[in-house]
Amino acid sequence: RIHGELVGHRVAASTVWKILKNVGIDPAPLRSGPTWRQFLTAQAHTILAVDFAHVDTVFLRRLYILVVIEHGSRRVHIAGITAHPTGAWVTQQARNLFMDLGDHAARFGFLIRDRDSKFTAAFDAVFAGADIRIIRTPVRAPRANAIAERFIGSLRRECLDHLLITGPRHLAAVLGEYVEHYDTHRPHRSLHQQPPAGRADRHSAATIRPLRRDRLGGLIHEYLKVA
């Protein structure tokens, strides 16, 4: 009986499809928008994401790091470091970011951020003035800003969890070293094992030899191909 009902449903569906096709009615489009993953994939090269990381110094002082990452290239920008991340400070870092990006800023159309109160209306206005749409993530949904969260996780596991930070200047030096490694050397699976800035070493296999370069006092090793 069940088999007969299933066959009947298939016949009915086929008949409806033939009738609609004969009168020129195409199938209905998707009745809902793309998934979040589909949206991020389709718009990756136009998306910026911003988030805060923090680190506690050896003097028990907490410092906040404003991190900006480009979705398409995975290139990271450290927008600022402070012990007091007020709304005015965050807004000024947004202005500084646009100055650093220069003409490159014109390619972006979206900014993903969470609902932290430090991201004020003035902060949003800086991006809105450049025709960049602000997308706020749902409450307590870190996966909605997964690429920024993933970088912060890598920064902790590969760098900050192994170092004692003494203050803002020390942290700035450490972050500068790590971000240079991240952007110019560290391979990314989504970029076919290339770093965000691409690889500069191009030598024939017959003339190359490996060279190890240490970063952050030997915490991170880079292996280069040199002639």
Protein backbone atom coordinates (compact mmCIF):
# COMPACT_ATOMS: atom_id res chain seq x y z
CA ARG A 1 0.00 0.00 0.00
CA ILE A 2 2.78 2.41 0.96
CA HIS A 3 4.63 1.61 -2.26
CA GLY A 4 1.50 2.34 -4.24
CA GLU A 5 1.03 5.70 -2.54
CA LEU A 6 4.62 6.72 -3.27
CA VAL A 7 4.23 5.78 -6.93
CA GLY A 8 1.01 7.78 -7.06
CA HIS A 9 2.73 10.86 -5.61
CA ARG A 10 5.52 10.61 -8.20
CA VAL A 11 2.98 10.36 -11.03
CA ALA A 12 1.04 13.34 -9.66
CA ALA A 13 4.19 15.45 -9.34
CA SER A 14 5.26 14.54 -12.87
CA THR A 15 1.83 15.48 -14.20
CA VAL A 16 1.87 18.86 -12.43
CA TRP A 17 5.36 19.57 -13.79
CA LYS A 18 4.25 18.79 -17.37
CA ILE A 19 1.18 21.02 -17.05
CA LEU A 20 3.21 23.96 -15.72
CA LYS A 21 5.87 23.49 -18.40
CA ASN A 22 3.29 23.43 -21.17
CA VAL A 23 1.82 26.75 -20.09
CA GLY A 24 5.27 28.35 -19.74
CA ILE A 25 5.52 28.57 -15.95
CA ASP A 26 9.08 28.03 -14.75
CA PRO A 27 9.96 26.49 -11.39
CA ALA A 28 9.75 28.90 -8.48
CA PRO A 29 13.04 30.46 -7.31
CA LEU A 30 14.45 29.77 -3.88
CA ARG A 31 11.89 30.85 -1.31
CA SER A 32 14.58 31.93 1.13
CA GLY A 33 17.89 33.74 0.82
CA PRO A 34 21.31 32.09 0.70
CA THR A 35 22.73 30.54 3.82
CA TRP A 36 25.27 32.50 5.86
CA ARG A 37 28.06 30.31 4.50
CA GLN A 38 26.93 30.84 0.91
CA PHE A 39 26.79 34.61 1.47
CA LEU A 40 30.30 34.73 2.94
CA THR A 41 31.71 32.63 0.11
CA ALA A 42 30.06 34.71 -2.62
CA GLN A 43 31.02 38.07 -1.09
CA ALA A 44 34.38 37.15 0.46
CA HIS A 45 36.49 39.66 -1.46
CA THR A 46 34.24 42.54 -0.36
CA ILE A 47 34.05 41.68 3.34
CA LEU A 48 36.00 43.03 6.29
CA ALA A 49 35.59 41.56 9.78
CA VAL A 50 36.51 43.23 13.06
CA ASP A 51 36.82 41.87 16.58
CA PHE A 52 38.63 42.39 19.88
CA ALA A 53 41.29 40.17 21.39
CA HIS A 54 42.83 40.73 24.80
CA VAL A 55 46.02 39.79 26.63
CA ASP A 56 46.99 40.13 30.29
CA THR A 57 50.49 41.45 30.96
CA VAL A 58 52.90 40.20 33.63
CA PHE A 59 51.78 43.18 35.71
CA LEU A 60 48.15 41.97 35.58
CA ARG A 61 47.10 44.74 33.24
CA ARG A 62 44.68 43.82 30.49
CA LEU A 63 45.35 45.14 26.99
CA TYR A 64 42.84 45.06 24.15
CA ILE A 65 43.74 44.49 20.51
CA LEU A 66 41.46 45.67 17.70
CA VAL A 67 41.84 43.15 14.87
CA VAL A 68 40.61 43.62 11.29
CA ILE A 69 40.82 40.83 8.71
CA GLU A 70 39.99 40.74 5.00
CA HIS A 71 37.83 37.71 4.24
CA GLY A 72 38.98 37.19 0.67
CA SER A 73 42.75 37.35 1.17
CA ARG A 74 42.88 36.63 4.96
CA ARG A 75 45.22 39.62 5.30
CA VAL A 76 45.27 40.91 8.88
CA HIS A 77 45.48 44.49 10.15
CA ILE A 78 46.13 45.35 13.79
CA ALA A 79 44.08 48.52 14.09
CA GLY A 80 45.21 49.43 17.60
CA ILE A 81 46.22 48.42 21.12
CA THR A 82 44.90 50.04 24.29
CA ALA A 83 44.05 49.41 27.92
CA HIS A 84 40.91 51.53 27.64
CA PRO A 85 38.93 50.72 24.47
CA THR A 86 36.36 53.52 24.59
CA GLY A 87 33.94 54.21 21.77
CA ALA A 88 35.89 57.32 20.76
CA TRP A 89 39.14 55.34 20.60
CA VAL A 90 37.59 52.60 18.45
CA THR A 91 36.14 55.20 16.09
CA GLN A 92 39.55 56.84 15.66
CA GLN A 93 41.13 53.47 14.86
CA ALA A 94 38.52 52.99 12.14
CA ARG A 95 39.57 56.30 10.59
CA ASN A 96 43.23 55.31 10.82
CA LEU A 97 42.43 51.99 9.14
CA PHE A 98 40.96 53.77 6.13
CA MET A 99 44.08 55.89 5.86
CA ASP A 100 46.23 52.75 5.87
CA LEU A 101 44.05 50.97 3.31
CA GLY A 102 44.06 53.92 0.92
CA ASP A 103 42.50 53.13 -2.47
CA HIS A 104 42.28 49.47 -1.43
CA ALA A 105 39.32 50.39 0.82
CA ALA A 106 37.08 50.96 -2.20
CA ARG A 107 36.79 47.22 -2.87
CA PHE A 108 34.96 46.49 0.40
CA GLY A 109 31.19 46.54 0.73
CA PHE A 110 30.49 44.84 4.08
CA LEU A 111 31.85 44.91 7.62
CA ILE A 112 31.03 42.10 10.05
CA ARG A 113 31.15 42.96 13.75
CA ASP A 114 29.55 41.76 16.95
CA ARG A 115 27.23 43.79 19.19
CA ASP A 116 29.91 45.03 21.57
CA SER A 117 28.95 48.43 22.98
CA LYS A 118 32.40 49.76 22.01
CA PHE A 119 31.26 49.71 18.38
CA THR A 120 29.24 52.90 18.55
CA ALA A 121 27.12 54.70 15.98
CA ALA A 122 30.10 56.95 15.22
CA PHE A 123 32.19 53.84 14.42
CA ASP A 124 29.50 52.59 12.03
CA ALA A 125 29.28 56.03 10.43
CA VAL A 126 32.96 55.90 9.43
CA PHE A 127 32.26 52.80 7.32
CA ALA A 128 28.83 53.97 6.14
CA GLY A 129 30.54 57.06 4.74
CA ALA A 130 32.56 54.75 2.51
CA ASP A 131 29.42 52.85 1.39
CA ILE A 132 30.31 49.84 3.53
CA ARG A 133 27.30 48.11 5.03
CA ILE A 134 27.51 47.06 8.69
CA ILE A 135 26.42 43.48 9.45
CA ARG A 136 25.98 42.77 13.16
CA THR A 137 26.24 39.17 14.26
CA PRO A 138 23.54 37.57 16.43
CA VAL A 139 23.97 37.64 20.19
CA ARG A 140 26.42 35.00 21.48
CA ALA A 141 27.10 33.61 18.02
CA PRO A 142 30.91 33.65 17.57
CA ARG A 143 30.65 31.35 14.53
CA ALA A 144 28.94 34.19 12.66
CA ASN A 145 32.31 35.99 12.74
CA ALA A 146 34.31 32.78 12.43
CA ILE A 147 37.23 34.05 10.32
CA ALA A 148 38.12 36.81 12.78
CA GLU A 149 37.62 34.41 15.70
CA ARG A 150 39.85 31.83 13.99
CA PHE A 151 42.68 34.33 13.59
CA ILE A 152 42.42 35.36 17.25
CA GLY A 153 42.55 31.70 18.22
CA SER A 154 45.67 31.16 16.07
CA LEU A 155 47.26 34.26 17.56
CA ARG A 156 46.74 32.87 21.06
CA ARG A 157 47.81 29.28 20.36
CA GLU A 158 50.84 30.10 18.24
CA CYS A 159 52.07 33.26 19.93
CA LEU A 160 50.52 34.95 22.96
CA ASP A 161 50.04 31.82 25.08
CA HIS A 162 53.82 31.24 24.97
CA LEU A 163 55.07 34.75 25.78
CA LEU A 164 55.06 37.06 28.81
CA ILE A 165 53.93 40.50 27.67
CA THR A 166 55.23 43.45 29.68
CA GLY A 167 53.26 46.33 28.15
CA PRO A 168 51.74 47.97 25.06
CA ARG A 169 55.07 48.58 23.29
CA HIS A 170 56.18 45.00 23.81
CA LEU A 171 52.80 43.72 22.61
CA ALA A 172 52.95 45.95 19.52
CA ALA A 173 56.38 44.56 18.63
CA VAL A 174 55.23 40.97 19.11
CA LEU A 175 52.06 41.50 17.06
CA GLY A 176 54.01 43.21 14.28
CA GLU A 177 56.32 40.21 14.03
CA TYR A 178 53.51 37.65 14.15
CA VAL A 179 51.27 39.45 11.64
CA GLU A 180 54.16 39.77 9.20
CA HIS A 181 54.69 36.02 9.52
CA TYR A 182 50.93 35.40 9.16
CA ASP A 183 50.54 37.59 6.07
CA THR A 184 53.73 36.71 4.21
CA HIS A 185 54.62 33.15 5.17
CA ARG A 186 51.98 31.14 7.06
CA PRO A 187 50.08 28.86 4.60
CA HIS A 188 46.28 28.88 4.52
CA ARG A 189 44.21 25.94 3.36
CA SER A 190 41.53 28.22 1.87
CA LEU A 191 44.27 29.91 -0.22
CA HIS A 192 45.67 26.62 -1.58
CA GLN A 193 48.46 26.64 1.03
CA GLN A 194 49.58 30.13 0.08
CA PRO A 195 49.98 33.03 2.56
CA PRO A 196 47.69 36.06 2.20
CA ALA A 197 50.40 38.13 0.50
CA GLY A 198 51.55 35.24 -1.75
CA ARG A 199 55.01 33.74 -1.85
CA ALA A 200 57.97 35.81 -2.96
CA ASP A 201 60.43 32.93 -3.38
CA ARG A 202 60.44 31.57 -6.92
CA HIS A 203 63.43 29.37 -7.76
CA SER A 204 63.92 26.32 -9.92
CA ALA A 205 64.07 23.00 -8.07
CA ALA A 206 67.67 22.41 -9.18
CA THR A 207 69.05 25.55 -7.54
CA ILE A 208 67.16 25.85 -4.27
CA ARG A 209 68.18 24.99 -0.74
CA PRO A 210 66.10 25.31 2.44
CA LEU A 211 66.81 28.08 4.93
CA ARG A 212 65.26 28.29 8.39
CA ARG A 213 64.42 31.69 9.81
CA ASP A 214 63.34 32.08 13.44
CA ARG A 215 60.74 34.57 14.59
CA LEU A 216 59.81 35.71 18.10
CA GLY A 217 62.98 34.28 19.60
CA GLY A 218 62.55 30.89 17.96
CA LEU A 219 58.88 30.45 18.89
CA ILE A 220 57.98 30.31 15.18
CA HIS A 221 60.15 28.80 12.44
CA GLU A 222 59.88 29.81 8.79
CA TYR A 223 61.40 27.73 6.03
CA LEU A 224 62.41 29.55 2.87
CA LYS A 225 63.77 28.49 -0.51
CA VAL A 226 66.95 30.30 -1.47
CA ALA A 227 69.25 29.94 -4.44
